[in-house]
Protein backbone atom coordinates (compact mmCIF):
# COMPACT_ATOMS: atom_id res chain seq x y z
CA MET A 1 -22.48 -28.90 9.48
CA GLU A 2 -20.84 -27.74 6.27
CA ILE A 3 -18.07 -30.21 5.59
CA ASP A 4 -17.03 -28.46 2.36
CA LYS A 5 -15.19 -25.69 4.18
CA TYR A 6 -12.79 -28.29 5.62
CA ILE A 7 -11.97 -29.92 2.27
CA HIS A 8 -8.83 -28.45 0.70
CA ASN A 9 -7.41 -29.80 -2.58
CA GLY A 10 -9.54 -32.92 -2.22
CA THR A 11 -8.28 -33.74 1.28
CA LEU A 12 -9.67 -33.42 4.76
CA THR A 13 -7.58 -33.25 7.95
CA ILE A 14 -9.26 -34.68 11.05
CA ARG A 15 -8.56 -35.90 14.58
CA VAL A 16 -10.19 -39.20 15.53
CA VAL A 17 -11.29 -40.22 19.02
CA PRO A 18 -11.92 -43.98 19.02
CA ASN A 19 -13.89 -45.97 21.58
CA ALA A 20 -16.45 -43.16 21.97
CA SER A 21 -20.00 -43.58 23.24
CA LYS A 22 -21.42 -42.69 19.80
CA ASN A 23 -20.26 -41.77 16.31
CA ASP A 24 -20.25 -38.01 15.94
CA VAL A 25 -18.30 -35.13 14.47
CA VAL A 26 -17.69 -31.72 16.06
CA GLU A 27 -15.81 -28.59 15.13
CA GLU A 28 -13.06 -27.87 17.63
CA HIS A 29 -10.29 -25.28 17.31
CA ASN A 30 -10.99 -24.84 13.59
CA GLN A 31 -10.57 -28.59 12.98
CA LEU A 32 -12.92 -31.55 12.78
CA LYS A 33 -12.87 -34.00 15.65
CA VAL A 34 -14.54 -37.30 14.80
CA TYR A 35 -15.76 -39.60 17.57
CA ILE A 36 -15.96 -43.26 16.56
CA LYS A 37 -17.49 -46.07 18.64
CA ALA A 38 -15.13 -48.75 17.37
CA VAL A 39 -11.94 -49.62 19.19
CA PRO A 40 -8.60 -48.91 17.51
CA ASP A 41 -7.82 -52.60 17.09
CA LYS A 42 -7.32 -54.51 13.84
CA ASN A 43 -8.32 -51.47 11.76
CA LYS A 44 -11.89 -51.45 13.17
CA ALA A 45 -11.95 -47.72 13.93
CA ASN A 46 -10.61 -46.85 10.46
CA VAL A 47 -13.25 -48.97 8.73
CA GLU A 48 -16.01 -47.43 10.84
CA LEU A 49 -14.63 -43.94 10.13
CA ILE A 50 -14.92 -44.48 6.37
CA LYS A 51 -18.48 -45.85 6.72
CA PHE A 52 -19.42 -42.93 9.00
CA PHE A 53 -18.35 -40.31 6.44
CA LYS A 54 -20.37 -42.06 3.73
CA LYS A 55 -23.49 -42.22 5.91
CA LYS A 56 -23.24 -38.77 7.55
CA PHE A 57 -22.00 -36.65 4.63
CA GLY A 58 -22.47 -38.84 1.55
CA LEU A 59 -18.70 -38.70 0.95
CA ARG A 60 -16.53 -41.58 -0.18
CA VAL A 61 -13.17 -41.18 1.51
CA MET A 62 -9.96 -43.12 1.90
CA ILE A 63 -7.26 -42.64 4.49
CA LYS A 64 -4.32 -40.96 2.81
CA SER A 65 -2.16 -40.78 5.94
CA GLY A 66 -2.50 -41.59 9.62
CA MET A 67 -3.57 -45.24 9.43
CA LYS A 68 -2.17 -45.94 12.90
CA GLY A 69 -2.59 -42.55 14.54
CA ARG A 70 -5.41 -40.28 15.65
CA ASP A 71 -4.49 -37.46 13.28
CA LYS A 72 -5.54 -38.41 9.77
CA VAL A 73 -5.69 -36.98 6.29
CA LEU A 74 -8.61 -38.28 4.26
CA LYS A 75 -8.80 -38.13 0.49
CA VAL A 76 -12.26 -37.43 -0.90
CA ILE A 77 -13.06 -39.80 -3.77
CA LYS A 78 -15.37 -38.45 -6.45
């Protein structure tokens, strides 16, 4: 999957589905949907999301907005 086409001005808009059976990312309705195994409790899903992007795409990201919601904007750190 080419992640670069979803990065605009150094940010990436995604929808997160926590408590999934496996970590994965799919394209759905022209947006990225990211499935994360961790539960959305005590920031566990957010931490796993950041680690997943590093492992899967080699990208360092931070959550710019959406810390407590499923819709998130990630900032790509270079």
